[in-house]
Amino acid sequence: MLFKLIIKYINIKYINFCVEIMFKEMIKKNTSEHFLLKQLIKKNFTAKYKDSILGILWSFINPLLTMLLLTAIFSTIFSGNIANYPVYFLAGRCLFDFFSAGTKIAMNSIKGNSGILKRIYVPRYIFAFGGICSEFINFIISLIILVAVMYLTGLHLTLMSVLAIVPMIILFVMVVGIGLILSIVCTYFRDIEYLYNIFTILLMYASALFYPAEIIPETLRQYLYLNPVYLLIDQFRDIIMYNTLPNIMSVINTSLFALIVLVAGVIIFTKYQRKITLEL
């Protein structure tokens, strides 16, 4: 019982700390919207570990256990292609999990808060954006595990590692754009939730999380480079694992794609947000 209370206390303190950092630089206008957004982030983050004894510690344990399992299975098979398999896998897993969880929570944000939207006026985007921000906090937690594994396996952070924030920002922008689109589409077509779950599974296998891209035949590898999630994972690995600058064209292409998706998401969301209440 005492252990559970300690974990709960750590959860609350950590959530408050993360949320305060995220909003420290916000201007003081629209205070009510900012307050609501902060509360939604806390609610989404807390709900994820509701009734769990370990609580926030699962954000550390889950990627660590998966890494240990896959390292035991695949590290010998791909030892000639991947120098540091635990870091290679964990780097890809952290980014992909944020993409998957962030877009899914945004997709269900409008439908999941239909009771509030039917009773009072609340800016619709807050539900999607709040959910994405809560998953971003989970993403940051998983990076702590990544850094720890890096040091345990002989890799160290350098000044170059600071550039890892570039693919992280690009990914965040892309998740927001896709999340806004999915939140509208899922309101009108409920089956999209099941189709998207299948899509993310296929995308995971097409993002070279646990295998090297080099094992894919040259004729098929060109299609791997059409996957923006893989390109961002590859950029992230180049920076933290190999201490090299990622391909500049890859950075430009993924940046443009993320911006286009964000603009499209804002346009679609703005156009349909007033009509979605009738579909709830």
C-alpha atoms as a PDB file:
ATOM      1  CA  MET A   1       0.000   0.000   0.000  1.00  0.00           C
ATOM      2  CA  LEU A   2       2.833   2.381   0.911  1.00  0.00           C
ATOM      3  CA  PHE A   3       4.647   1.504  -2.327  1.00  0.00           C
ATOM      4  CA  LYS A   4       1.505   2.271  -4.352  1.00  0.00           C
ATOM      5  CA  LEU A   5       1.133   5.665  -2.634  1.00  0.00           C
ATOM      6  CA  ILE A   6       4.775   6.500  -3.336  1.00  0.00           C
ATOM      7  CA  ILE A   7       4.362   5.613  -7.026  1.00  0.00           C
ATOM      8  CA  LYS A   8       1.181   7.694  -7.239  1.00  0.00           C
ATOM      9  CA  TYR A   9       2.989  10.658  -5.630  1.00  0.00           C
ATOM     10  CA  ILE A  10       5.878  10.336  -8.113  1.00  0.00           C
ATOM     11  CA  ASN A  11       3.399  10.162 -11.013  1.00  0.00           C
ATOM     12  CA  ILE A  12       1.607  13.361  -9.974  1.00  0.00           C
ATOM     13  CA  LYS A  13       4.812  15.298  -9.301  1.00  0.00           C
ATOM     14  CA  TYR A  14       6.392  14.215 -12.582  1.00  0.00           C
ATOM     15  CA  ILE A  15       3.300  15.078 -14.625  1.00  0.00           C
ATOM     16  CA  ASN A  16       3.079  18.539 -13.042  1.00  0.00           C
ATOM     17  CA  PHE A  17       6.788  19.113 -13.675  1.00  0.00           C
ATOM     18  CA  CYS A  18       6.595  18.103 -17.362  1.00  0.00           C
ATOM     19  CA  VAL A  19       3.456  20.123 -18.050  1.00  0.00           C
ATOM     20  CA  GLU A  20       4.864  23.233 -16.362  1.00  0.00           C
ATOM     21  CA  ILE A  21       7.983  23.022 -18.538  1.00  0.00           C
ATOM     22  CA  MET A  22       5.912  22.665 -21.713  1.00  0.00           C
ATOM     23  CA  PHE A  23       3.859  25.795 -20.911  1.00  0.00           C
ATOM     24  CA  LYS A  24       6.438  27.939 -19.140  1.00  0.00           C
ATOM     25  CA  GLU A  25       7.001  30.200 -22.135  1.00  0.00           C
ATOM     26  CA  MET A  26       3.333  30.595 -23.067  1.00  0.00           C
ATOM     27  CA  ILE A  27       1.904  34.099 -23.080  1.00  0.00           C
ATOM     28  CA  LYS A  28      -0.833  34.897 -20.597  1.00  0.00           C
ATOM     29  CA  LYS A  29      -3.671  35.523 -23.029  1.00  0.00           C
ATOM     30  CA  ASN A  30      -6.303  32.820 -23.569  1.00  0.00           C
ATOM     31  CA  THR A  31      -5.592  31.615 -20.032  1.00  0.00           C
ATOM     32  CA  SER A  32      -8.699  29.416 -19.918  1.00  0.00           C
ATOM     33  CA  GLU A  33      -7.648  27.484 -23.036  1.00  0.00           C
ATOM     34  CA  HIS A  34      -4.121  27.007 -21.715  1.00  0.00           C
ATOM     35  CA  PHE A  35      -5.499  25.811 -18.364  1.00  0.00           C
ATOM     36  CA  LEU A  36      -7.802  23.335 -20.120  1.00  0.00           C
ATOM     37  CA  LEU A  37      -4.961  22.073 -22.282  1.00  0.00           C
ATOM     38  CA  LYS A  38      -2.768  21.503 -19.236  1.00  0.00           C
ATOM     39  CA  GLN A  39      -5.562  19.636 -17.468  1.00  0.00           C
ATOM     40  CA  LEU A  40      -6.173  17.441 -20.523  1.00  0.00           C
ATOM     41  CA  ILE A  41      -2.493  16.528 -20.705  1.00  0.00           C
ATOM     42  CA  LYS A  42      -2.517  15.550 -17.030  1.00  0.00           C
ATOM     43  CA  LYS A  43      -5.774  13.619 -17.475  1.00  0.00           C
ATOM     44  CA  ASN A  44      -4.547  11.674 -20.526  1.00  0.00           C
ATOM     45  CA  PHE A  45      -1.216  10.870 -18.926  1.00  0.00           C
ATOM     46  CA  THR A  46      -2.771   9.798 -15.628  1.00  0.00           C
ATOM     47  CA  ALA A  47      -5.495   7.715 -17.327  1.00  0.00           C
ATOM     48  CA  LYS A  48      -2.858   5.677 -19.148  1.00  0.00           C
ATOM     49  CA  TYR A  49      -1.587   4.276 -15.862  1.00  0.00           C
ATOM     50  CA  LYS A  50      -4.842   4.279 -13.904  1.00  0.00           C
ATOM     51  CA  ASP A  51      -5.119   1.420 -11.388  1.00  0.00           C
ATOM     52  CA  SER A  52      -1.548   0.379 -12.200  1.00  0.00           C
ATOM     53  CA  ILE A  53       0.711  -0.334  -9.226  1.00  0.00           C
ATOM     54  CA  LEU A  54       3.901   0.660 -11.035  1.00  0.00           C
ATOM     55  CA  GLY A  55       2.286   3.654 -12.733  1.00  0.00           C
ATOM     56  CA  ILE A  56       4.733   5.840 -14.639  1.00  0.00           C
ATOM     57  CA  LEU A  57       7.470   3.234 -14.239  1.00  0.00           C
ATOM     58  CA  TRP A  58       5.811   1.292 -17.075  1.00  0.00           C
ATOM     59  CA  SER A  59       7.065   4.011 -19.427  1.00  0.00           C
ATOM     60  CA  PHE A  60      10.561   2.788 -18.528  1.00  0.00           C
ATOM     61  CA  ILE A  61       9.849  -0.924 -18.160  1.00  0.00           C
ATOM     62  CA  ASN A  62       7.884  -1.477 -21.398  1.00  0.00           C
ATOM     63  CA  PRO A  63      10.535  -0.357 -23.938  1.00  0.00           C
ATOM     64  CA  LEU A  64      13.297  -1.918 -21.823  1.00  0.00           C
ATOM     65  CA  LEU A  65      11.689  -5.370 -21.728  1.00  0.00           C
ATOM     66  CA  THR A  66      10.892  -5.254 -25.452  1.00  0.00           C
ATOM     67  CA  MET A  67      14.472  -4.260 -26.211  1.00  0.00           C
ATOM     68  CA  LEU A  68      15.881  -7.099 -24.102  1.00  0.00           C
ATOM     69  CA  LEU A  69      13.610  -9.657 -25.784  1.00  0.00           C
ATOM     70  CA  LEU A  70      14.360  -8.578 -29.357  1.00  0.00           C
ATOM     71  CA  THR A  71      18.058  -8.165 -28.601  1.00  0.00           C
ATOM     72  CA  ALA A  72      18.164 -11.770 -27.408  1.00  0.00           C
ATOM     73  CA  ILE A  73      16.416 -12.923 -30.591  1.00  0.00           C
ATOM     74  CA  PHE A  74      17.903 -10.760 -33.347  1.00  0.00           C
ATOM     75  CA  SER A  75      21.263  -9.441 -32.099  1.00  0.00           C
ATOM     76  CA  THR A  76      23.074 -12.619 -33.226  1.00  0.00           C
ATOM     77  CA  ILE A  77      21.281 -12.736 -36.579  1.00  0.00           C
ATOM     78  CA  PHE A  78      22.087  -9.114 -37.452  1.00  0.00           C
ATOM     79  CA  SER A  79      25.400  -8.832 -35.585  1.00  0.00           C
ATOM     80  CA  GLY A  80      27.294  -8.311 -38.855  1.00  0.00           C
ATOM     81  CA  ASN A  81      24.993  -5.486 -39.990  1.00  0.00           C
ATOM     82  CA  ILE A  82      24.258  -3.653 -36.733  1.00  0.00           C
ATOM     83  CA  ALA A  83      27.103  -2.732 -34.366  1.00  0.00           C
ATOM     84  CA  ASN A  84      24.932  -1.879 -31.339  1.00  0.00           C
ATOM     85  CA  TYR A  85      21.599  -3.651 -31.660  1.00  0.00           C
ATOM     86  CA  PRO A  86      20.016  -2.507 -28.340  1.00  0.00           C
ATOM     87  CA  VAL A  87      20.485   1.177 -29.191  1.00  0.00           C
ATOM     88  CA  TYR A  88      19.551   0.616 -32.841  1.00  0.00           C
ATOM     89  CA  PHE A  89      16.244  -0.994 -31.897  1.00  0.00           C
ATOM     90  CA  LEU A  90      15.405   1.306 -28.998  1.00  0.00           C
ATOM     91  CA  ALA A  91      16.054   4.455 -31.076  1.00  0.00           C
ATOM     92  CA  GLY A  92      13.594   3.293 -33.717  1.00  0.00           C
ATOM     93  CA  ARG A  93      11.075   1.978 -31.196  1.00  0.00           C
ATOM     94  CA  CYS A  94      10.923   5.254 -29.250  1.00  0.00           C
ATOM     95  CA  LEU A  95      10.141   7.348 -32.336  1.00  0.00           C
ATOM     96  CA  PHE A  96       7.694   4.876 -33.831  1.00  0.00           C
ATOM     97  CA  ASP A  97       5.810   4.421 -30.555  1.00  0.00           C
ATOM     98  CA  PHE A  98       5.320   8.185 -30.309  1.00  0.00           C
ATOM     99  CA  PHE A  99       4.053   8.344 -33.886  1.00  0.00           C
ATOM    100  CA  SER A 100       1.651   5.443 -33.360  1.00  0.00           C
ATOM    101  CA  ALA A 101       0.367   6.439 -29.909  1.00  0.00           C
ATOM    102  CA  GLY A 102       0.178  10.160 -30.737  1.00  0.00           C
ATOM    103  CA  THR A 103      -1.866   9.738 -33.903  1.00  0.00           C
ATOM    104  CA  LYS A 104      -4.164   7.143 -32.297  1.00  0.00           C
ATOM    105  CA  ILE A 105      -4.983   9.225 -29.240  1.00  0.00           C
ATOM    106  CA  ALA A 106      -5.678  12.237 -31.474  1.00  0.00           C
ATOM    107  CA  MET A 107      -7.862  10.094 -33.744  1.00  0.00           C
ATOM    108  CA  ASN A 108     -10.132   9.173 -30.819  1.00  0.00           C
ATOM    109  CA  SER A 109      -9.976  12.560 -29.083  1.00  0.00           C
ATOM    110  CA  ILE A 110     -13.206  14.033 -30.505  1.00  0.00           C
ATOM    111  CA  LYS A 111     -15.230  10.835 -30.240  1.00  0.00           C
ATOM    112  CA  GLY A 112     -13.899  10.118 -26.766  1.00  0.00           C
ATOM    113  CA  ASN A 113     -14.917  13.545 -25.446  1.00  0.00           C
ATOM    114  CA  SER A 114     -18.295  13.736 -27.182  1.00  0.00           C
ATOM    115  CA  GLY A 115     -20.104  14.180 -23.859  1.00  0.00           C
ATOM    116  CA  ILE A 116     -18.270  17.447 -23.154  1.00  0.00           C
ATOM    117  CA  LEU A 117     -18.583  18.728 -26.720  1.00  0.00           C
ATOM    118  CA  LYS A 118     -22.353  18.194 -26.731  1.00  0.00           C
ATOM    119  CA  ARG A 119     -22.892  20.172 -23.525  1.00  0.00           C
ATOM    120  CA  ILE A 120     -20.513  23.126 -23.702  1.00  0.00           C
ATOM    121  CA  TYR A 121     -18.375  24.923 -26.243  1.00  0.00           C
ATOM    122  CA  VAL A 122     -14.735  23.929 -26.030  1.00  0.00           C
ATOM    123  CA  PRO A 123     -12.097  24.487 -28.727  1.00  0.00           C
ATOM    124  CA  ARG A 124     -12.051  21.122 -30.475  1.00  0.00           C
ATOM    125  CA  TYR A 125      -8.361  21.098 -31.329  1.00  0.00           C
ATOM    126  CA  ILE A 126      -7.432  21.078 -27.639  1.00  0.00           C
ATOM    127  CA  PHE A 127      -8.502  17.446 -27.227  1.00  0.00           C
ATOM    128  CA  ALA A 128      -6.303  16.220 -30.080  1.00  0.00           C
ATOM    129  CA  PHE A 129      -3.348  18.433 -29.216  1.00  0.00           C
ATOM    130  CA  GLY A 130      -3.575  17.612 -25.503  1.00  0.00           C
ATOM    131  CA  GLY A 131      -3.500  13.894 -26.251  1.00  0.00           C
ATOM    132  CA  ILE A 132      -0.451  14.279 -28.504  1.00  0.00           C
ATOM    133  CA  CYS A 133       1.378  16.315 -25.849  1.00  0.00           C
ATOM    134  CA  SER A 134       0.721  13.633 -23.222  1.00  0.00           C
ATOM    135  CA  GLU A 135       2.211  11.005 -25.540  1.00  0.00           C
ATOM    136  CA  PHE A 136       5.163  13.310 -26.174  1.00  0.00           C
ATOM    137  CA  ILE A 137       5.864  13.233 -22.434  1.00  0.00           C
ATOM    138  CA  ASN A 138       5.884   9.422 -22.631  1.00  0.00           C
ATOM    139  CA  PHE A 139       8.291   9.749 -25.561  1.00  0.00           C
ATOM    140  CA  ILE A 140      10.666  11.914 -23.507  1.00  0.00           C
ATOM    141  CA  ILE A 141      10.562   9.334 -20.697  1.00  0.00           C
ATOM    142  CA  SER A 142      11.504   6.561 -23.126  1.00  0.00           C
ATOM    143  CA  LEU A 143      14.493   8.637 -24.268  1.00  0.00           C
ATOM    144  CA  ILE A 144      15.848   8.451 -20.709  1.00  0.00           C
ATOM    145  CA  ILE A 145      15.990   4.675 -21.108  1.00  0.00           C
ATOM    146  CA  LEU A 146      17.669   5.111 -24.501  1.00  0.00           C
ATOM    147  CA  VAL A 147      20.403   7.335 -23.040  1.00  0.00           C
ATOM    148  CA  ALA A 148      20.969   4.867 -20.187  1.00  0.00           C
ATOM    149  CA  VAL A 149      21.295   1.953 -22.626  1.00  0.00           C
ATOM    150  CA  MET A 150      23.686   4.001 -24.764  1.00  0.00           C
ATOM    151  CA  TYR A 151      26.050   4.507 -21.831  1.00  0.00           C
ATOM    152  CA  LEU A 152      25.801   0.881 -20.754  1.00  0.00           C
ATOM    153  CA  THR A 153      26.743  -0.283 -24.264  1.00  0.00           C
ATOM    154  CA  GLY A 154      29.646   2.144 -24.687  1.00  0.00           C
ATOM    155  CA  LEU A 155      27.979   4.959 -26.636  1.00  0.00           C
ATOM    156  CA  HIS A 156      28.075   8.510 -25.295  1.00  0.00           C
ATOM    157  CA  LEU A 157      26.208  11.683 -26.065  1.00  0.00           C
ATOM    158  CA  THR A 158      28.201  14.372 -27.878  1.00  0.00           C
ATOM    159  CA  LEU A 159      27.555  17.905 -29.069  1.00  0.00           C
ATOM    160  CA  MET A 160      26.248  16.342 -32.272  1.00  0.00           C
ATOM    161  CA  SER A 161      23.526  14.637 -30.234  1.00  0.00           C
ATOM    162  CA  VAL A 162      21.815  17.996 -29.703  1.00  0.00           C
ATOM    163  CA  LEU A 163      20.783  17.852 -33.373  1.00  0.00           C
ATOM    164  CA  ALA A 164      18.578  14.858 -32.534  1.00  0.00           C
ATOM    165  CA  ILE A 165      15.947  17.431 -31.637  1.00  0.00           C
ATOM    166  CA  VAL A 166      15.518  18.150 -35.377  1.00  0.00           C
ATOM    167  CA  PRO A 167      13.904  14.789 -36.349  1.00  0.00           C
ATOM    168  CA  MET A 168      11.982  14.908 -33.042  1.00  0.00           C
ATOM    169  CA  ILE A 169      10.436  18.281 -33.923  1.00  0.00           C
ATOM    170  CA  ILE A 170       9.674  17.161 -37.474  1.00  0.00           C
ATOM    171  CA  LEU A 171       7.980  14.048 -36.106  1.00  0.00           C
ATOM    172  CA  PHE A 172       5.945  16.092 -33.618  1.00  0.00           C
ATOM    173  CA  VAL A 173       4.703  18.414 -36.392  1.00  0.00           C
ATOM    174  CA  MET A 174       3.820  15.426 -38.566  1.00  0.00           C
ATOM    175  CA  VAL A 175       1.928  13.707 -35.721  1.00  0.00           C
ATOM    176  CA  VAL A 176      -0.089  16.882 -35.039  1.00  0.00           C
ATOM    177  CA  GLY A 177      -1.051  17.192 -38.714  1.00  0.00           C
ATOM    178  CA  ILE A 178      -2.003  13.535 -39.125  1.00  0.00           C
ATOM    179  CA  GLY A 179      -3.767  13.549 -35.749  1.00  0.00           C
ATOM    180  CA  LEU A 180      -5.985  16.500 -36.707  1.00  0.00           C
ATOM    181  CA  ILE A 181      -6.976  14.809 -39.963  1.00  0.00           C
ATOM    182  CA  LEU A 182      -7.693  11.474 -38.269  1.00  0.00           C
ATOM    183  CA  SER A 183      -9.769  13.108 -35.514  1.00  0.00           C
ATOM    184  CA  ILE A 184     -12.151  14.467 -38.157  1.00  0.00           C
ATOM    185  CA  VAL A 185     -12.185  11.390 -40.381  1.00  0.00           C
ATOM    186  CA  CYS A 186     -12.815   9.042 -37.428  1.00  0.00           C
ATOM    187  CA  THR A 187     -15.831  11.120 -36.392  1.00  0.00           C
ATOM    188  CA  TYR A 188     -17.526  10.534 -39.746  1.00  0.00           C
ATOM    189  CA  PHE A 189     -16.181   7.044 -40.502  1.00  0.00           C
ATOM    190  CA  ARG A 190     -15.832   4.946 -37.338  1.00  0.00           C
ATOM    191  CA  ASP A 191     -14.246   2.016 -39.203  1.00  0.00           C
ATOM    192  CA  ILE A 192     -11.140   4.114 -39.832  1.00  0.00           C
ATOM    193  CA  GLU A 193     -10.004   3.259 -36.292  1.00  0.00           C
ATOM    194  CA  TYR A 194      -9.700  -0.443 -37.142  1.00  0.00           C
ATOM    195  CA  LEU A 195      -8.152   0.219 -40.532  1.00  0.00           C
ATOM    196  CA  TYR A 196      -5.585   2.549 -38.984  1.00  0.00           C
ATOM    197  CA  ASN A 197      -4.580  -0.094 -36.443  1.00  0.00           C
ATOM    198  CA  ILE A 198      -3.789  -2.448 -39.327  1.00  0.00           C
ATOM    199  CA  PHE A 199      -1.945   0.353 -41.125  1.00  0.00           C
ATOM    200  CA  THR A 200       0.317   1.089 -38.141  1.00  0.00           C
ATOM    201  CA  ILE A 201       1.252  -2.594 -37.862  1.00  0.00           C
ATOM    202  CA  LEU A 202       2.243  -2.661 -41.528  1.00  0.00           C
ATOM    203  CA  LEU A 203       4.079   0.642 -41.124  1.00  0.00           C
ATOM    204  CA  MET A 204       6.046  -0.770 -38.192  1.00  0.00           C
ATOM    205  CA  TYR A 205       7.395  -3.599 -40.332  1.00  0.00           C
ATOM    206  CA  ALA A 206       8.164  -1.087 -43.095  1.00  0.00           C
ATOM    207  CA  SER A 207      10.184   1.175 -40.776  1.00  0.00           C
ATOM    208  CA  ALA A 208      13.202  -1.086 -40.131  1.00  0.00           C
ATOM    209  CA  LEU A 209      12.786  -1.047 -36.361  1.00  0.00           C
ATOM    210  CA  PHE A 210      14.422  -4.392 -35.616  1.00  0.00           C
ATOM    211  CA  TYR A 211      16.218  -5.206 -38.866  1.00  0.00           C
ATOM    212  CA  PRO A 212      18.812  -3.341 -40.972  1.00  0.00           C
ATOM    213  CA  ALA A 213      17.592  -1.701 -44.167  1.00  0.00           C
ATOM    214  CA  GLU A 214      20.511  -3.318 -46.009  1.00  0.00           C
ATOM    215  CA  ILE A 215      18.852  -6.752 -45.955  1.00  0.00           C
ATOM    216  CA  ILE A 216      16.093  -5.464 -48.235  1.00  0.00           C
ATOM    217  CA  PRO A 217      16.872  -6.041 -51.926  1.00  0.00           C
ATOM    218  CA  GLU A 218      17.923  -2.928 -53.845  1.00  0.00           C
ATOM    219  CA  THR A 219      14.863  -3.144 -56.079  1.00  0.00           C
ATOM    220  CA  LEU A 220      12.548  -2.910 -53.048  1.00  0.00           C
ATOM    221  CA  ARG A 221      14.624  -0.607 -50.828  1.00  0.00           C
ATOM    222  CA  GLN A 222      13.577   2.453 -52.824  1.00  0.00           C
ATOM    223  CA  TYR A 223      10.054   2.035 -51.450  1.00  0.00           C
ATOM    224  CA  LEU A 224      11.419   2.114 -47.897  1.00  0.00           C
ATOM    225  CA  TYR A 225      12.659   5.652 -48.568  1.00  0.00           C
ATOM    226  CA  LEU A 226       9.085   6.735 -49.326  1.00  0.00           C
ATOM    227  CA  ASN A 227       8.238   6.110 -45.678  1.00  0.00           C
ATOM    228  CA  PRO A 228       8.724   9.416 -43.766  1.00  0.00           C
ATOM    229  CA  VAL A 229       8.682   7.621 -40.396  1.00  0.00           C
ATOM    230  CA  TYR A 230      11.617   5.446 -41.452  1.00  0.00           C
ATOM    231  CA  LEU A 231      13.506   8.484 -42.757  1.00  0.00           C
ATOM    232  CA  LEU A 232      13.095  10.260 -39.398  1.00  0.00           C
ATOM    233  CA  ILE A 233      14.216   7.140 -37.517  1.00  0.00           C
ATOM    234  CA  ASP A 234      17.233   6.892 -39.826  1.00  0.00           C
ATOM    235  CA  GLN A 235      18.106  10.569 -39.191  1.00  0.00           C
ATOM    236  CA  PHE A 236      17.812  10.039 -35.444  1.00  0.00           C
ATOM    237  CA  ARG A 237      20.071   6.973 -35.550  1.00  0.00           C
ATOM    238  CA  ASP A 238      22.692   8.765 -37.655  1.00  0.00           C
ATOM    239  CA  ILE A 239      22.962  11.485 -35.030  1.00  0.00           C
ATOM    240  CA  ILE A 240      22.947   9.519 -31.765  1.00  0.00           C
ATOM    241  CA  MET A 241      24.572   6.246 -32.903  1.00  0.00           C
ATOM    242  CA  TYR A 242      27.018   7.220 -35.610  1.00  0.00           C
ATOM    243  CA  ASN A 243      27.665  10.833 -34.578  1.00  0.00           C
ATOM    244  CA  THR A 244      27.154  12.019 -38.170  1.00  0.00           C
ATOM    245  CA  LEU A 245      24.892  14.530 -39.845  1.00  0.00           C
ATOM    246  CA  PRO A 246      21.850  12.940 -41.510  1.00  0.00           C
ATOM    247  CA  ASN A 247      21.303  13.253 -45.240  1.00  0.00           C
ATOM    248  CA  ILE A 248      20.290  16.873 -45.868  1.00  0.00           C
ATOM    249  CA  MET A 249      17.801  15.939 -48.597  1.00  0.00           C
ATOM    250  CA  SER A 250      16.146  13.501 -46.212  1.00  0.00           C
ATOM    251  CA  VAL A 251      15.770  16.279 -43.621  1.00  0.00           C
ATOM    252  CA  ILE A 252      14.367  18.692 -46.213  1.00  0.00           C
ATOM    253  CA  ASN A 253      11.927  16.139 -47.624  1.00  0.00           C
ATOM    254  CA  THR A 254      10.598  15.059 -44.233  1.00  0.00           C
ATOM    255  CA  SER A 255      10.325  18.710 -43.113  1.00  0.00           C
ATOM    256  CA  LEU A 256       8.304  19.617 -46.200  1.00  0.00           C
ATOM    257  CA  PHE A 257       6.100  16.559 -45.775  1.00  0.00           C
ATOM    258  CA  ALA A 258       5.442  17.397 -42.111  1.00  0.00           C
ATOM    259  CA  LEU A 259       4.574  21.019 -42.939  1.00  0.00           C
ATOM    260  CA  ILE A 260       2.249  19.981 -45.778  1.00  0.00           C
ATOM    261  CA  VAL A 261       0.502  17.476 -43.512  1.00  0.00           C
ATOM    262  CA  LEU A 262       0.188  20.079 -40.743  1.00  0.00           C
ATOM    263  CA  VAL A 263      -1.299  22.699 -43.088  1.00  0.00           C
ATOM    264  CA  ALA A 264      -3.689  20.101 -44.533  1.00  0.00           C
ATOM    265  CA  GLY A 265      -4.658  19.019 -41.024  1.00  0.00           C
ATOM    266  CA  VAL A 266      -5.374  22.580 -39.884  1.00  0.00           C
ATOM    267  CA  ILE A 267      -7.426  23.328 -43.017  1.00  0.00           C
ATOM    268  CA  ILE A 268      -9.495  20.133 -42.774  1.00  0.00           C
ATOM    269  CA  PHE A 269     -10.004  20.482 -39.028  1.00  0.00           C
ATOM    270  CA  THR A 270     -11.028  24.140 -39.291  1.00  0.00           C
ATOM    271  CA  LYS A 271     -13.480  23.371 -42.075  1.00  0.00           C
ATOM    272  CA  TYR A 272     -15.286  20.514 -40.311  1.00  0.00           C
ATOM    273  CA  GLN A 273     -14.883  21.223 -36.588  1.00  0.00           C
ATOM    274  CA  ARG A 274     -18.210  23.084 -36.323  1.00  0.00           C
ATOM    275  CA  LYS A 275     -20.095  20.235 -38.010  1.00  0.00           C
ATOM    276  CA  ILE A 276     -18.696  17.308 -36.046  1.00  0.00           C
ATOM    277  CA  THR A 277     -21.022  17.845 -33.040  1.00  0.00           C
ATOM    278  CA  LEU A 278     -23.917  16.638 -35.224  1.00  0.00           C
ATOM    279  CA  GLU A 279     -22.039  13.393 -35.927  1.00  0.00           C
ATOM    280  CA  LEU A 280     -21.315  12.565 -32.291  1.00  0.00           C
END
